[in-house]
N, C-alpha and C. Protein backbone atom coordinates (compact mmCIF):
# COMPACT_ATOMS: atom_id res chain seq x y z
N UNK A 1 142.55 141.79 121.59
CA UNK A 1 142.04 140.58 122.17
C UNK A 1 143.22 139.77 122.69
N UNK A 2 143.01 139.18 123.86
CA UNK A 2 144.10 138.36 124.39
C UNK A 2 144.04 136.94 123.82
N UNK A 3 145.06 136.17 124.08
CA UNK A 3 145.18 134.83 123.51
C UNK A 3 144.07 133.91 123.98
N UNK A 4 143.68 134.00 125.25
CA UNK A 4 142.64 133.13 125.78
C UNK A 4 141.30 133.43 125.11
N UNK A 5 140.98 134.68 124.91
CA UNK A 5 139.72 135.05 124.25
C UNK A 5 139.73 134.59 122.80
N UNK A 6 140.85 134.77 122.12
CA UNK A 6 140.96 134.34 120.73
C UNK A 6 140.78 132.82 120.62
N UNK A 7 141.41 132.09 121.52
CA UNK A 7 141.29 130.64 121.49
C UNK A 7 139.85 130.21 121.77
N UNK A 8 139.19 130.87 122.70
CA UNK A 8 137.79 130.55 123.02
C UNK A 8 136.89 130.83 121.83
N UNK A 9 137.10 131.95 121.16
CA UNK A 9 136.30 132.27 119.98
C UNK A 9 136.57 131.28 118.84
N UNK A 10 137.81 130.91 118.66
CA UNK A 10 138.15 129.95 117.60
C UNK A 10 137.51 128.59 117.88
N UNK A 11 137.55 128.16 119.13
CA UNK A 11 136.92 126.89 119.50
C UNK A 11 135.41 126.96 119.31
N UNK A 12 134.81 128.06 119.72
CA UNK A 12 133.36 128.23 119.56
C UNK A 12 132.96 128.20 118.09
N UNK A 13 133.72 128.87 117.26
CA UNK A 13 133.44 128.88 115.83
C UNK A 13 133.60 127.49 115.22
N UNK A 14 134.64 126.78 115.63
CA UNK A 14 134.86 125.42 115.14
C UNK A 14 133.70 124.51 115.53
N UNK A 15 133.25 124.60 116.78
CA UNK A 15 132.13 123.78 117.24
C UNK A 15 130.85 124.14 116.50
N UNK A 16 130.62 125.42 116.28
CA UNK A 16 129.41 125.85 115.58
C UNK A 16 129.41 125.36 114.13
N UNK A 17 130.54 125.45 113.46
CA UNK A 17 130.63 124.97 112.08
C UNK A 17 130.49 123.45 112.01
N UNK A 18 131.06 122.76 112.98
CA UNK A 18 130.93 121.30 113.02
C UNK A 18 129.48 120.89 113.22
N UNK A 19 128.79 121.58 114.12
CA UNK A 19 127.37 121.26 114.36
C UNK A 19 126.53 121.56 113.13
N UNK A 20 126.83 122.64 112.44
CA UNK A 20 126.08 122.99 111.23
C UNK A 20 126.32 121.97 110.13
N UNK A 21 127.53 121.47 110.03
CA UNK A 21 127.86 120.48 109.00
C UNK A 21 127.16 119.15 109.26
N UNK A 22 126.83 118.87 110.50
CA UNK A 22 126.17 117.60 110.84
C UNK A 22 124.66 117.67 110.72
N UNK A 23 124.12 118.81 110.37
CA UNK A 23 122.67 118.96 110.27
C UNK A 23 122.11 118.10 109.16
N UNK A 24 120.85 117.72 109.32
CA UNK A 24 120.20 116.85 108.35
C UNK A 24 119.83 117.59 107.08
N UNK A 25 119.78 116.87 105.98
CA UNK A 25 119.36 117.41 104.70
C UNK A 25 117.92 116.99 104.47
N UNK A 26 117.02 117.96 104.45
CA UNK A 26 115.60 117.62 104.29
C UNK A 26 115.16 117.66 102.85
N UNK A 27 116.05 117.99 101.93
CA UNK A 27 115.65 118.16 100.55
C UNK A 27 115.76 116.92 99.68
N UNK A 28 116.39 115.87 100.16
CA UNK A 28 116.61 114.73 99.28
C UNK A 28 115.92 113.47 99.74
N UNK A 29 116.03 112.46 98.91
CA UNK A 29 115.46 111.16 99.22
C UNK A 29 116.41 110.42 100.14
N UNK A 30 115.89 109.86 101.21
CA UNK A 30 116.74 109.14 102.14
C UNK A 30 117.14 107.78 101.60
N UNK A 31 116.50 107.34 100.55
CA UNK A 31 116.94 106.16 99.83
C UNK A 31 116.43 104.84 100.35
N UNK A 32 115.45 104.27 99.68
CA UNK A 32 115.06 102.90 99.90
C UNK A 32 114.40 102.56 101.20
N UNK A 33 113.78 103.50 101.87
CA UNK A 33 113.14 103.21 103.14
C UNK A 33 112.06 102.17 103.04
N UNK A 34 111.18 102.30 102.06
CA UNK A 34 110.10 101.33 101.93
C UNK A 34 110.62 99.98 101.46
N UNK A 35 111.62 99.97 100.61
CA UNK A 35 112.21 98.71 100.16
C UNK A 35 112.88 97.98 101.32
N UNK A 36 113.59 98.73 102.14
CA UNK A 36 114.28 98.11 103.26
C UNK A 36 113.31 97.53 104.27
N UNK A 37 112.22 98.24 104.53
CA UNK A 37 111.27 97.74 105.52
C UNK A 37 110.49 96.53 105.01
N UNK A 38 110.40 96.36 103.70
CA UNK A 38 109.67 95.22 103.14
C UNK A 38 110.60 94.05 102.82
N UNK A 39 111.90 94.27 102.87
CA UNK A 39 112.86 93.23 102.51
C UNK A 39 112.87 92.10 103.53
N UNK A 40 113.10 90.91 103.04
CA UNK A 40 113.20 89.74 103.92
C UNK A 40 114.41 88.93 103.50
N UNK A 41 114.90 88.14 104.40
CA UNK A 41 116.04 87.30 104.10
C UNK A 41 116.96 87.16 105.29
N UNK A 42 118.03 86.44 105.12
CA UNK A 42 118.95 86.23 106.24
C UNK A 42 119.67 87.52 106.63
N UNK A 43 119.94 87.64 107.90
CA UNK A 43 120.69 88.78 108.42
C UNK A 43 122.03 88.24 108.90
N UNK A 44 123.10 88.82 108.41
CA UNK A 44 124.43 88.41 108.86
C UNK A 44 124.82 89.29 110.03
N UNK A 45 125.36 88.68 111.07
CA UNK A 45 125.77 89.42 112.25
C UNK A 45 127.21 89.05 112.59
N UNK A 46 127.95 90.05 113.00
CA UNK A 46 129.33 89.84 113.42
C UNK A 46 129.35 89.93 114.94
N UNK A 47 129.94 88.93 115.58
CA UNK A 47 130.08 88.94 117.03
C UNK A 47 131.54 89.14 117.38
N UNK A 48 131.77 89.85 118.46
CA UNK A 48 133.11 90.13 118.94
C UNK A 48 133.80 88.84 119.38
N UNK A 49 135.07 88.93 119.69
CA UNK A 49 135.77 87.77 120.25
C UNK A 49 135.80 87.83 121.77
N UNK A 50 135.12 88.81 122.36
CA UNK A 50 135.00 88.95 123.80
C UNK A 50 133.88 88.03 124.29
N UNK A 51 134.15 87.12 125.23
CA UNK A 51 133.14 86.16 125.67
C UNK A 51 131.84 86.79 126.16
N UNK A 52 131.92 87.91 126.88
CA UNK A 52 130.71 88.56 127.37
C UNK A 52 129.89 89.14 126.21
N UNK A 53 130.58 89.71 125.24
CA UNK A 53 129.88 90.27 124.08
C UNK A 53 129.29 89.18 123.20
N UNK A 54 129.97 88.06 123.10
CA UNK A 54 129.44 86.93 122.33
C UNK A 54 128.16 86.42 122.98
N UNK A 55 128.19 86.26 124.31
CA UNK A 55 127.00 85.79 125.02
C UNK A 55 125.85 86.77 124.85
N UNK A 56 126.14 88.07 124.97
CA UNK A 56 125.10 89.10 124.80
C UNK A 56 124.55 89.05 123.38
N UNK A 57 125.43 88.99 122.40
CA UNK A 57 125.01 88.99 121.00
C UNK A 57 124.16 87.78 120.66
N UNK A 58 124.56 86.62 121.14
CA UNK A 58 123.78 85.41 120.89
C UNK A 58 122.41 85.48 121.56
N UNK A 59 122.36 86.07 122.76
CA UNK A 59 121.07 86.24 123.44
C UNK A 59 120.17 87.20 122.67
N UNK A 60 120.75 88.28 122.12
CA UNK A 60 119.96 89.24 121.34
C UNK A 60 119.42 88.59 120.07
N UNK A 61 120.25 87.80 119.41
CA UNK A 61 119.81 87.11 118.19
C UNK A 61 118.69 86.14 118.52
N UNK A 62 118.84 85.37 119.60
CA UNK A 62 117.80 84.42 119.99
C UNK A 62 116.49 85.13 120.32
N UNK A 63 116.58 86.26 121.02
CA UNK A 63 115.37 87.02 121.37
C UNK A 63 114.72 87.58 120.11
N UNK A 64 115.51 88.10 119.19
CA UNK A 64 114.95 88.65 117.95
C UNK A 64 114.30 87.54 117.13
N UNK A 65 114.98 86.41 117.02
CA UNK A 65 114.44 85.29 116.26
C UNK A 65 113.14 84.78 116.88
N UNK A 66 113.04 84.79 118.21
CA UNK A 66 111.81 84.34 118.87
C UNK A 66 110.65 85.28 118.56
N UNK A 67 110.92 86.58 118.48
CA UNK A 67 109.87 87.56 118.18
C UNK A 67 109.55 87.63 116.69
N UNK A 68 110.46 87.20 115.85
CA UNK A 68 110.30 87.32 114.40
C UNK A 68 110.56 85.98 113.72
N UNK A 69 109.74 84.97 113.97
CA UNK A 69 110.03 83.63 113.45
C UNK A 69 109.99 83.52 111.93
N UNK A 70 109.30 84.42 111.25
CA UNK A 70 109.19 84.34 109.79
C UNK A 70 110.25 85.17 109.07
N UNK A 71 111.10 85.78 109.81
CA UNK A 71 112.13 86.64 109.22
C UNK A 71 113.39 85.87 108.95
């Protein structure tokens, strides 16, 4: 095998193993799904120091608060 073929096979194997490692685990409890969906209280949000991102973040918070006034 030449070097290019070996490198291609090594890269393919690495990508395949990485993809397999990222697969979901269907055997366990995902943890607290019903508790999280029923939870209420303040939500803390971090906004960037970038003026455009701050404006976007504040607009998103205002829109969410308007749709969810009891949250």
